[in-house]
Amino acid sequence: MVNEVPPLRVRVGPGHAALEAARRQVVGHLAQACERGDRSTVYAVELVLEEWLTNVFRHGGGTEVTVEVACDGRQVGLRFTDDGTTFDPTRAPERVAPATLDEAEPGGLGLFLIRRYSRSWRYAREAGRNVMQVEIDCPAA
């Protein structure tokens, strides 16, 4: 049976300390809200959280992101709402993997990783804000 824990809502500002505090809150929430504390699910959530927040603050000019986290036992839903410039990540082209290590360039893997670790992701622009929703599957019981 899934615990009856309401979704978590946290506001995050720029900076490593704020990101780390948000990460701790989200991981603590998952431990309470999800039936199984599966490490692969927690890892995927942490990765998506860090990549999205870093992109908003580093590239999008955002000053605050509201993160909402809900778990129903089958999946974890993340909803990010930010005040940065308009950016629809679902329209960004897939990054092509380099053929050799010499061709590899550092960075730029955030959206690639979010795509790989999520079941689905959706973007909308609502009331002048970016809204990104990501779903991550929990392993079957």
Protein backbone atom coordinates (compact mmCIF):
# COMPACT_ATOMS: atom_id res chain seq x y z
CA MET A 1 0.00 0.00 0.00
CA VAL A 2 1.27 3.47 -0.91
CA ASN A 3 1.76 5.92 1.94
CA GLU A 4 -0.66 8.83 2.02
CA VAL A 5 1.96 11.57 1.95
CA PRO A 6 1.02 14.86 0.27
CA PRO A 7 3.27 16.08 -2.55
CA LEU A 8 6.34 18.08 -1.58
CA ARG A 9 6.65 21.67 -2.75
CA VAL A 10 9.94 23.51 -2.33
CA ARG A 11 11.27 26.81 -3.66
CA VAL A 12 14.88 26.86 -4.79
CA GLY A 13 17.13 29.82 -5.49
CA PRO A 14 20.46 29.77 -7.31
CA GLY A 15 23.61 28.45 -5.71
CA HIS A 16 25.09 25.15 -4.64
CA ALA A 17 23.83 25.39 -1.05
CA ALA A 18 20.23 25.94 -2.18
CA LEU A 19 20.44 23.06 -4.66
CA GLU A 20 21.87 20.73 -2.01
CA ALA A 21 19.16 21.69 0.49
CA ALA A 22 16.47 20.99 -2.13
CA ARG A 23 18.08 17.64 -2.99
CA ARG A 24 18.02 16.60 0.67
CA GLN A 25 14.35 17.58 1.01
CA VAL A 26 13.39 15.66 -2.12
CA VAL A 27 15.29 12.51 -1.10
CA GLY A 28 13.70 12.68 2.38
CA HIS A 29 10.27 13.05 0.81
CA LEU A 30 10.82 10.04 -1.44
CA ALA A 31 11.77 7.94 1.59
CA GLN A 32 8.40 8.81 3.19
CA ALA A 33 6.14 8.90 0.13
CA CYS A 34 7.27 5.90 -1.90
CA GLU A 35 6.68 2.30 -0.93
CA ARG A 36 10.15 1.24 -1.90
CA GLY A 37 13.23 3.37 -1.44
CA ASP A 38 14.70 1.97 -4.64
CA ARG A 39 18.16 3.46 -5.16
CA SER A 40 17.84 3.60 -8.96
CA THR A 41 14.68 5.70 -8.70
CA VAL A 42 16.26 8.04 -6.15
CA TYR A 43 19.34 8.36 -8.36
CA ALA A 44 17.21 9.24 -11.41
CA VAL A 45 15.25 11.83 -9.43
CA GLU A 46 18.43 13.40 -8.03
CA LEU A 47 20.00 13.52 -11.49
CA VAL A 48 16.96 15.15 -13.12
CA LEU A 49 16.63 17.60 -10.23
CA GLU A 50 20.27 18.68 -10.39
CA GLU A 51 20.43 18.91 -14.18
CA TRP A 52 17.22 20.90 -14.54
CA LEU A 53 17.96 23.34 -11.70
CA THR A 54 21.53 23.88 -12.92
CA ASN A 55 20.29 24.61 -16.44
CA VAL A 56 17.63 27.07 -15.26
CA PHE A 57 20.08 29.06 -13.16
CA ARG A 58 23.13 28.81 -15.42
CA HIS A 59 21.54 29.19 -18.87
CA GLY A 60 17.96 30.35 -18.39
CA GLY A 61 18.48 33.38 -16.17
CA GLY A 62 16.04 32.06 -13.58
CA THR A 63 16.06 33.45 -10.06
CA GLU A 64 13.68 30.93 -8.45
CA VAL A 65 12.32 27.48 -9.25
CA THR A 66 9.39 25.83 -7.53
CA VAL A 67 9.79 22.05 -7.43
CA GLU A 68 6.84 19.77 -6.74
CA VAL A 69 7.40 16.06 -6.09
CA ALA A 70 4.72 13.37 -5.91
CA CYS A 71 5.02 9.58 -5.73
CA ASP A 72 2.21 7.10 -6.29
CA GLY A 73 4.25 3.91 -5.93
CA ARG A 74 4.49 3.39 -9.70
CA GLN A 75 6.18 6.63 -10.65
CA VAL A 76 7.65 9.83 -9.28
CA GLY A 77 6.31 13.03 -10.79
CA LEU A 78 8.45 16.16 -10.80
CA ARG A 79 7.09 19.57 -11.76
CA PHE A 80 9.48 22.49 -12.15
CA THR A 81 8.14 26.04 -12.51
CA ASP A 82 10.65 28.82 -13.13
CA ASP A 83 10.88 32.49 -14.03
CA GLY A 84 13.68 32.09 -16.60
CA THR A 85 13.61 32.85 -20.30
CA THR A 86 11.29 30.78 -22.47
CA PHE A 87 12.88 27.44 -23.28
CA ASP A 88 11.17 24.26 -24.46
CA PRO A 89 13.67 21.44 -23.87
CA THR A 90 11.44 18.92 -25.64
CA ARG A 91 12.20 20.71 -28.92
CA ALA A 92 15.97 20.69 -28.42
CA PRO A 93 17.70 18.29 -30.79
CA GLU A 94 19.11 15.04 -29.46
CA ARG A 95 22.81 15.28 -28.84
CA VAL A 96 24.81 13.03 -31.14
CA ALA A 97 27.31 10.84 -29.33
CA PRO A 98 30.91 11.48 -30.43
CA ALA A 99 32.61 8.73 -32.39
CA THR A 100 35.85 9.03 -30.40
CA LEU A 101 37.04 10.45 -27.10
CA ASP A 102 38.97 13.13 -29.00
CA GLU A 103 35.69 14.38 -30.53
CA ALA A 104 33.94 14.55 -27.15
CA GLU A 105 33.27 17.99 -25.71
CA PRO A 106 32.73 18.59 -21.99
CA GLY A 107 29.30 19.57 -20.75
CA GLY A 108 26.01 19.79 -22.58
CA LEU A 109 24.68 16.43 -21.39
CA GLY A 110 21.90 17.67 -19.09
CA LEU A 111 18.97 17.26 -21.47
CA PHE A 112 20.42 14.00 -22.79
CA LEU A 113 20.48 12.60 -19.24
CA ILE A 114 16.98 13.84 -18.41
CA ARG A 115 15.66 12.14 -21.56
CA ARG A 116 17.39 8.88 -20.67
CA TYR A 117 16.28 8.70 -17.03
CA SER A 118 12.66 9.76 -17.44
CA ARG A 119 9.62 7.94 -18.79
CA SER A 120 8.17 11.15 -20.14
CA TRP A 121 8.62 14.89 -20.02
CA ARG A 122 6.34 17.76 -21.02
CA TYR A 123 6.88 21.49 -21.29
CA ALA A 124 4.44 24.39 -21.23
CA ARG A 125 4.68 28.15 -20.89
CA GLU A 126 2.06 29.28 -18.37
CA ALA A 127 1.52 32.83 -17.13
CA GLY A 128 5.00 33.87 -18.25
CA ARG A 129 6.73 30.95 -16.54
CA ASN A 130 8.35 27.73 -17.77
CA VAL A 131 6.65 24.56 -16.54
CA MET A 132 8.52 21.30 -16.99
CA GLN A 133 6.96 18.02 -15.90
CA VAL A 134 9.01 14.83 -15.71
CA GLU A 135 7.84 11.30 -14.83
CA ILE A 136 10.26 8.66 -13.60
CA ASP A 137 9.18 5.03 -13.27
CA CYS A 138 9.65 3.10 -10.05
CA PRO A 139 10.71 -0.53 -10.52
CA ALA A 140 7.96 -3.13 -10.30
CA ALA A 141 7.44 -4.73 -6.90
